[in-house]
Amino acid sequence: MSKFFSIILIAIMCSFGTLQAQNFSTHQVKAGGETIESIAKRYYITANDIYTLNPDAKKELKANTILIIPISKANKPTVTTVKELKGFRTHKTKRKETLYSLAKKYDVSEDDIKKYNKFLYANTLRKGDKLQIPILKETKVVDEVKNTKPYLVQAKEGKWRIAYKFGITLEELEALNLKWELYFKKGNKLMFLI
């Protein structure tokens, strides 16, 4: 009898191990008109992905129902940071200053300082050296998700109304549209998942 229980226990442990490797998440359905399509858009998956793991959701979707959601990393928009050179500031080095301390002081990397002061590749930093410290502006660039479509903002339409209309959160709206303004103007184009 104990062999039977140990075999069952091992089988259960193996099944949990495979579930964790597949990267699943859960979602609790909220009251107030949340649909399978809006949930699928929120997690960057299709409605069929949800139906595959939750066959009961085809019949009826009740509030407080827990759905198993596969985590899709492939379709999320990727945000990359690009540094743009705005200009230079001159710095005369003092005693006991290092590249590390200058990088922290001016919020740039040591490699950026070396890039614009070529003599630092061959020599060490000395008192009295005049350095060109770059002034960099960081901008975020979003690689657009392939299954998106543009949406034209209507008159008197705010960010809350647009997010509600498409069944997404404000954070998701910002992730898809990084050129975010506090108030939208009529005629601005936004990107949304299809």
C-alpha atoms as a PDB file:
ATOM      1  CA  MET A   1       0.000   0.000   0.000  1.00  0.00           C
ATOM      2  CA  SER A   2       2.826   2.428   0.845  1.00  0.00           C
ATOM      3  CA  LYS A   3       4.416   1.761  -2.579  1.00  0.00           C
ATOM      4  CA  PHE A   4       1.151   2.779  -4.218  1.00  0.00           C
ATOM      5  CA  PHE A   5       1.065   6.104  -2.317  1.00  0.00           C
ATOM      6  CA  SER A   6       4.721   6.806  -3.073  1.00  0.00           C
ATOM      7  CA  ILE A   7       4.108   6.224  -6.801  1.00  0.00           C
ATOM      8  CA  ILE A   8       1.091   8.557  -6.714  1.00  0.00           C
ATOM      9  CA  LEU A   9       3.138  11.184  -4.845  1.00  0.00           C
ATOM     10  CA  ILE A  10       5.961  11.003  -7.392  1.00  0.00           C
ATOM     11  CA  ALA A  11       3.468  11.325 -10.272  1.00  0.00           C
ATOM     12  CA  ILE A  12       1.911  14.422  -8.687  1.00  0.00           C
ATOM     13  CA  MET A  13       5.311  16.031  -8.110  1.00  0.00           C
ATOM     14  CA  CYS A  14       6.315  15.400 -11.730  1.00  0.00           C
ATOM     15  CA  SER A  15       3.107  16.949 -13.034  1.00  0.00           C
ATOM     16  CA  PHE A  16       3.659  20.105 -10.956  1.00  0.00           C
ATOM     17  CA  GLY A  17       7.198  20.341 -12.306  1.00  0.00           C
ATOM     18  CA  THR A  18       5.959  20.361 -15.900  1.00  0.00           C
ATOM     19  CA  LEU A  19       3.297  22.956 -15.122  1.00  0.00           C
ATOM     20  CA  GLN A  20       5.871  25.339 -13.695  1.00  0.00           C
ATOM     21  CA  ALA A  21       8.089  24.948 -16.751  1.00  0.00           C
ATOM     22  CA  GLN A  22       5.250  26.050 -19.040  1.00  0.00           C
ATOM     23  CA  ASN A  23       4.872  29.486 -17.389  1.00  0.00           C
ATOM     24  CA  PHE A  24       1.210  29.791 -16.562  1.00  0.00           C
ATOM     25  CA  SER A  25      -0.493  32.565 -14.691  1.00  0.00           C
ATOM     26  CA  THR A  26      -3.960  32.940 -13.221  1.00  0.00           C
ATOM     27  CA  HIS A  27      -6.534  35.650 -13.716  1.00  0.00           C
ATOM     28  CA  GLN A  28      -9.623  36.317 -11.626  1.00  0.00           C
ATOM     29  CA  VAL A  29     -12.544  37.498 -13.726  1.00  0.00           C
ATOM     30  CA  LYS A  30     -13.926  40.810 -12.499  1.00  0.00           C
ATOM     31  CA  ALA A  31     -17.591  41.700 -12.359  1.00  0.00           C
ATOM     32  CA  GLY A  32     -18.732  44.269 -14.852  1.00  0.00           C
ATOM     33  CA  GLY A  33     -18.420  42.998 -18.379  1.00  0.00           C
ATOM     34  CA  GLU A  34     -14.937  41.512 -18.635  1.00  0.00           C
ATOM     35  CA  THR A  35     -14.804  39.276 -21.713  1.00  0.00           C
ATOM     36  CA  ILE A  36     -12.444  36.564 -22.914  1.00  0.00           C
ATOM     37  CA  GLU A  37     -11.305  38.890 -25.701  1.00  0.00           C
ATOM     38  CA  SER A  38     -10.401  41.710 -23.305  1.00  0.00           C
ATOM     39  CA  ILE A  39      -8.515  39.270 -21.065  1.00  0.00           C
ATOM     40  CA  ALA A  40      -6.667  37.883 -24.095  1.00  0.00           C
ATOM     41  CA  LYS A  41      -5.644  41.392 -25.168  1.00  0.00           C
ATOM     42  CA  ARG A  42      -4.403  42.184 -21.677  1.00  0.00           C
ATOM     43  CA  TYR A  43      -2.048  39.175 -21.682  1.00  0.00           C
ATOM     44  CA  TYR A  44      -1.070  39.419 -25.399  1.00  0.00           C
ATOM     45  CA  ILE A  45      -2.578  36.039 -26.277  1.00  0.00           C
ATOM     46  CA  THR A  46      -5.542  34.849 -28.337  1.00  0.00           C
ATOM     47  CA  ALA A  47      -8.960  33.850 -27.041  1.00  0.00           C
ATOM     48  CA  ASN A  48      -8.308  30.291 -28.273  1.00  0.00           C
ATOM     49  CA  ASP A  49      -5.287  30.064 -25.952  1.00  0.00           C
ATOM     50  CA  ILE A  50      -7.597  30.768 -23.017  1.00  0.00           C
ATOM     51  CA  TYR A  51     -10.276  28.347 -24.258  1.00  0.00           C
ATOM     52  CA  THR A  52      -7.667  25.587 -24.624  1.00  0.00           C
ATOM     53  CA  LEU A  53      -6.753  25.759 -20.942  1.00  0.00           C
ATOM     54  CA  ASN A  54     -10.245  26.710 -19.707  1.00  0.00           C
ATOM     55  CA  PRO A  55     -12.891  24.805 -21.720  1.00  0.00           C
ATOM     56  CA  ASP A  56     -15.655  25.813 -19.277  1.00  0.00           C
ATOM     57  CA  ALA A  57     -15.119  29.467 -20.214  1.00  0.00           C
ATOM     58  CA  LYS A  58     -16.785  28.817 -23.598  1.00  0.00           C
ATOM     59  CA  LYS A  59     -20.121  28.144 -21.908  1.00  0.00           C
ATOM     60  CA  GLU A  60     -20.275  30.894 -19.308  1.00  0.00           C
ATOM     61  CA  LEU A  61     -17.862  33.420 -17.832  1.00  0.00           C
ATOM     62  CA  LYS A  62     -18.874  34.340 -14.293  1.00  0.00           C
ATOM     63  CA  ALA A  63     -17.374  36.943 -11.994  1.00  0.00           C
ATOM     64  CA  ASN A  64     -14.647  35.661  -9.617  1.00  0.00           C
ATOM     65  CA  THR A  65     -13.879  32.700 -11.902  1.00  0.00           C
ATOM     66  CA  ILE A  66     -10.173  31.834 -11.929  1.00  0.00           C
ATOM     67  CA  LEU A  67      -8.745  31.328 -15.425  1.00  0.00           C
ATOM     68  CA  ILE A  68      -5.405  29.730 -16.297  1.00  0.00           C
ATOM     69  CA  ILE A  69      -3.500  32.054 -18.631  1.00  0.00           C
ATOM     70  CA  PRO A  70      -0.394  31.056 -20.641  1.00  0.00           C
ATOM     71  CA  ILE A  71       2.288  33.706 -20.403  1.00  0.00           C
ATOM     72  CA  SER A  72       3.219  34.938 -23.864  1.00  0.00           C
ATOM     73  CA  LYS A  73       6.555  36.717 -24.073  1.00  0.00           C
ATOM     74  CA  ALA A  74       6.694  36.749 -27.848  1.00  0.00           C
ATOM     75  CA  ASN A  75       3.973  39.298 -28.532  1.00  0.00           C
ATOM     76  CA  LYS A  76       4.702  41.915 -25.872  1.00  0.00           C
ATOM     77  CA  PRO A  77       6.042  45.224 -27.111  1.00  0.00           C
ATOM     78  CA  THR A  78       9.714  45.609 -26.301  1.00  0.00           C
ATOM     79  CA  VAL A  79      10.935  48.887 -24.901  1.00  0.00           C
ATOM     80  CA  THR A  80      14.533  49.890 -25.580  1.00  0.00           C
ATOM     81  CA  THR A  81      16.322  52.951 -24.286  1.00  0.00           C
ATOM     82  CA  VAL A  82      18.291  55.022 -26.789  1.00  0.00           C
ATOM     83  CA  LYS A  83      20.801  57.654 -25.655  1.00  0.00           C
ATOM     84  CA  GLU A  84      20.907  60.789 -27.793  1.00  0.00           C
ATOM     85  CA  LEU A  85      23.827  63.243 -27.540  1.00  0.00           C
ATOM     86  CA  LYS A  86      22.586  66.750 -26.661  1.00  0.00           C
ATOM     87  CA  GLY A  87      25.950  68.452 -26.124  1.00  0.00           C
ATOM     88  CA  PHE A  88      29.043  68.545 -23.905  1.00  0.00           C
ATOM     89  CA  ARG A  89      30.123  70.095 -20.639  1.00  0.00           C
ATOM     90  CA  THR A  90      33.782  70.668 -19.824  1.00  0.00           C
ATOM     91  CA  HIS A  91      35.235  69.348 -16.575  1.00  0.00           C
ATOM     92  CA  LYS A  92      38.721  69.957 -15.192  1.00  0.00           C
ATOM     93  CA  THR A  93      39.725  67.010 -13.020  1.00  0.00           C
ATOM     94  CA  LYS A  94      40.704  67.513  -9.413  1.00  0.00           C
ATOM     95  CA  ARG A  95      42.856  65.496  -7.085  1.00  0.00           C
ATOM     96  CA  LYS A  96      41.498  62.000  -6.246  1.00  0.00           C
ATOM     97  CA  GLU A  97      38.765  62.106  -8.903  1.00  0.00           C
ATOM     98  CA  THR A  98      38.220  58.890 -10.823  1.00  0.00           C
ATOM     99  CA  LEU A  99      36.274  57.946 -13.910  1.00  0.00           C
ATOM    100  CA  TYR A 100      33.803  56.158 -11.646  1.00  0.00           C
ATOM    101  CA  SER A 101      33.193  59.246  -9.488  1.00  0.00           C
ATOM    102  CA  LEU A 102      32.781  61.461 -12.567  1.00  0.00           C
ATOM    103  CA  ALA A 103      30.390  58.973 -14.153  1.00  0.00           C
ATOM    104  CA  LYS A 104      28.241  58.975 -11.010  1.00  0.00           C
ATOM    105  CA  LYS A 105      28.414  62.763 -10.659  1.00  0.00           C
ATOM    106  CA  TYR A 106      27.258  63.461 -14.235  1.00  0.00           C
ATOM    107  CA  ASP A 107      24.997  60.383 -14.585  1.00  0.00           C
ATOM    108  CA  VAL A 108      26.820  58.879 -17.570  1.00  0.00           C
ATOM    109  CA  SER A 109      28.789  55.663 -17.963  1.00  0.00           C
ATOM    110  CA  GLU A 110      32.574  55.437 -17.803  1.00  0.00           C
ATOM    111  CA  ASP A 111      32.559  54.157 -21.382  1.00  0.00           C
ATOM    112  CA  ASP A 112      30.681  57.276 -22.525  1.00  0.00           C
ATOM    113  CA  ILE A 113      33.358  59.501 -20.958  1.00  0.00           C
ATOM    114  CA  LYS A 114      36.128  57.456 -22.598  1.00  0.00           C
ATOM    115  CA  LYS A 115      34.328  57.501 -25.941  1.00  0.00           C
ATOM    116  CA  TYR A 116      34.542  61.304 -26.167  1.00  0.00           C
ATOM    117  CA  ASN A 117      37.995  61.581 -24.527  1.00  0.00           C
ATOM    118  CA  LYS A 118      40.129  59.162 -26.558  1.00  0.00           C
ATOM    119  CA  PHE A 119      43.326  59.788 -24.565  1.00  0.00           C
ATOM    120  CA  LEU A 120      41.772  57.944 -21.593  1.00  0.00           C
ATOM    121  CA  TYR A 121      42.096  54.615 -23.431  1.00  0.00           C
ATOM    122  CA  ALA A 122      45.908  54.862 -23.281  1.00  0.00           C
ATOM    123  CA  ASN A 123      46.454  57.012 -20.159  1.00  0.00           C
ATOM    124  CA  THR A 124      45.007  57.190 -16.679  1.00  0.00           C
ATOM    125  CA  LEU A 125      43.065  60.160 -15.384  1.00  0.00           C
ATOM    126  CA  ARG A 126      45.319  62.874 -13.874  1.00  0.00           C
ATOM    127  CA  LYS A 127      44.755  66.102 -11.997  1.00  0.00           C
ATOM    128  CA  GLY A 128      44.207  68.992 -14.408  1.00  0.00           C
ATOM    129  CA  ASP A 129      42.927  66.937 -17.358  1.00  0.00           C
ATOM    130  CA  LYS A 130      40.156  68.685 -19.262  1.00  0.00           C
ATOM    131  CA  LEU A 131      37.374  66.288 -20.149  1.00  0.00           C
ATOM    132  CA  GLN A 132      34.407  66.615 -22.456  1.00  0.00           C
ATOM    133  CA  ILE A 133      31.502  65.109 -20.492  1.00  0.00           C
ATOM    134  CA  PRO A 134      28.607  64.179 -22.803  1.00  0.00           C
ATOM    135  CA  ILE A 135      25.096  65.366 -21.992  1.00  0.00           C
ATOM    136  CA  LEU A 136      22.861  62.482 -23.021  1.00  0.00           C
ATOM    137  CA  LYS A 137      19.094  62.406 -23.318  1.00  0.00           C
ATOM    138  CA  GLU A 138      17.500  58.992 -22.896  1.00  0.00           C
ATOM    139  CA  THR A 139      14.443  58.242 -24.990  1.00  0.00           C
ATOM    140  CA  LYS A 140      12.351  55.087 -24.917  1.00  0.00           C
ATOM    141  CA  VAL A 141      11.611  53.357 -28.203  1.00  0.00           C
ATOM    142  CA  VAL A 142       8.839  50.774 -28.480  1.00  0.00           C
ATOM    143  CA  ASP A 143       9.120  48.013 -31.042  1.00  0.00           C
ATOM    144  CA  GLU A 144       5.541  47.897 -32.233  1.00  0.00           C
ATOM    145  CA  VAL A 145       3.573  44.714 -31.670  1.00  0.00           C
ATOM    146  CA  LYS A 146       2.709  43.134 -35.009  1.00  0.00           C
ATOM    147  CA  ASN A 147      -0.956  42.546 -34.249  1.00  0.00           C
ATOM    148  CA  THR A 148      -1.831  46.170 -33.548  1.00  0.00           C
ATOM    149  CA  LYS A 149      -3.955  48.651 -35.411  1.00  0.00           C
ATOM    150  CA  PRO A 150      -4.116  52.436 -35.234  1.00  0.00           C
ATOM    151  CA  TYR A 151      -6.996  54.187 -33.484  1.00  0.00           C
ATOM    152  CA  LEU A 152      -7.928  57.801 -34.143  1.00  0.00           C
ATOM    153  CA  VAL A 153      -8.713  59.776 -30.979  1.00  0.00           C
ATOM    154  CA  GLN A 154     -12.143  61.409 -31.021  1.00  0.00           C
ATOM    155  CA  ALA A 155     -13.081  64.809 -29.589  1.00  0.00           C
ATOM    156  CA  LYS A 156     -13.294  64.977 -25.754  1.00  0.00           C
ATOM    157  CA  GLU A 157     -11.864  61.464 -25.397  1.00  0.00           C
ATOM    158  CA  GLY A 158      -9.457  61.044 -22.483  1.00  0.00           C
ATOM    159  CA  LYS A 159      -6.983  58.345 -21.550  1.00  0.00           C
ATOM    160  CA  TRP A 160      -9.367  56.689 -19.069  1.00  0.00           C
ATOM    161  CA  ARG A 161     -12.184  56.429 -21.620  1.00  0.00           C
ATOM    162  CA  ILE A 162      -9.890  55.019 -24.305  1.00  0.00           C
ATOM    163  CA  ALA A 163      -8.453  52.391 -21.945  1.00  0.00           C
ATOM    164  CA  TYR A 164     -11.968  51.437 -20.823  1.00  0.00           C
ATOM    165  CA  LYS A 165     -13.220  51.268 -24.421  1.00  0.00           C
ATOM    166  CA  PHE A 166     -10.545  48.732 -25.355  1.00  0.00           C
ATOM    167  CA  GLY A 167     -10.655  46.798 -22.077  1.00  0.00           C
ATOM    168  CA  ILE A 168      -7.045  47.462 -21.103  1.00  0.00           C
ATOM    169  CA  THR A 169      -5.313  49.178 -18.209  1.00  0.00           C
ATOM    170  CA  LEU A 170      -3.631  52.573 -18.380  1.00  0.00           C
ATOM    171  CA  GLU A 171      -0.223  50.904 -18.027  1.00  0.00           C
ATOM    172  CA  GLU A 172      -0.907  48.772 -21.097  1.00  0.00           C
ATOM    173  CA  LEU A 173      -2.084  51.841 -23.002  1.00  0.00           C
ATOM    174  CA  GLU A 174       1.164  53.619 -22.090  1.00  0.00           C
ATOM    175  CA  ALA A 175       3.267  50.586 -23.066  1.00  0.00           C
ATOM    176  CA  LEU A 176       1.684  50.507 -26.514  1.00  0.00           C
ATOM    177  CA  ASN A 177       1.852  54.299 -26.950  1.00  0.00           C
ATOM    178  CA  LEU A 178       5.004  55.723 -25.375  1.00  0.00           C
ATOM    179  CA  LYS A 179       4.481  59.145 -26.945  1.00  0.00           C
ATOM    180  CA  TRP A 180       2.082  59.713 -24.077  1.00  0.00           C
ATOM    181  CA  GLU A 181       0.479  63.076 -23.474  1.00  0.00           C
ATOM    182  CA  LEU A 182      -1.588  63.976 -20.446  1.00  0.00           C
ATOM    183  CA  TYR A 183      -4.515  64.917 -22.670  1.00  0.00           C
ATOM    184  CA  PHE A 184      -5.059  63.598 -26.157  1.00  0.00           C
ATOM    185  CA  LYS A 185      -6.066  65.864 -28.981  1.00  0.00           C
ATOM    186  CA  LYS A 186      -8.601  64.981 -31.621  1.00  0.00           C
ATOM    187  CA  GLY A 187      -6.871  63.282 -34.526  1.00  0.00           C
ATOM    188  CA  ASN A 188      -3.931  61.732 -32.616  1.00  0.00           C
ATOM    189  CA  LYS A 189      -3.216  58.134 -33.586  1.00  0.00           C
ATOM    190  CA  LEU A 190      -2.821  55.452 -30.924  1.00  0.00           C
ATOM    191  CA  MET A 191      -1.913  51.775 -31.325  1.00  0.00           C
ATOM    192  CA  PHE A 192      -4.111  48.965 -29.945  1.00  0.00           C
ATOM    193  CA  LEU A 193      -4.073  45.195 -30.098  1.00  0.00           C
ATOM    194  CA  ILE A 194      -6.397  43.679 -32.656  1.00  0.00           C
END
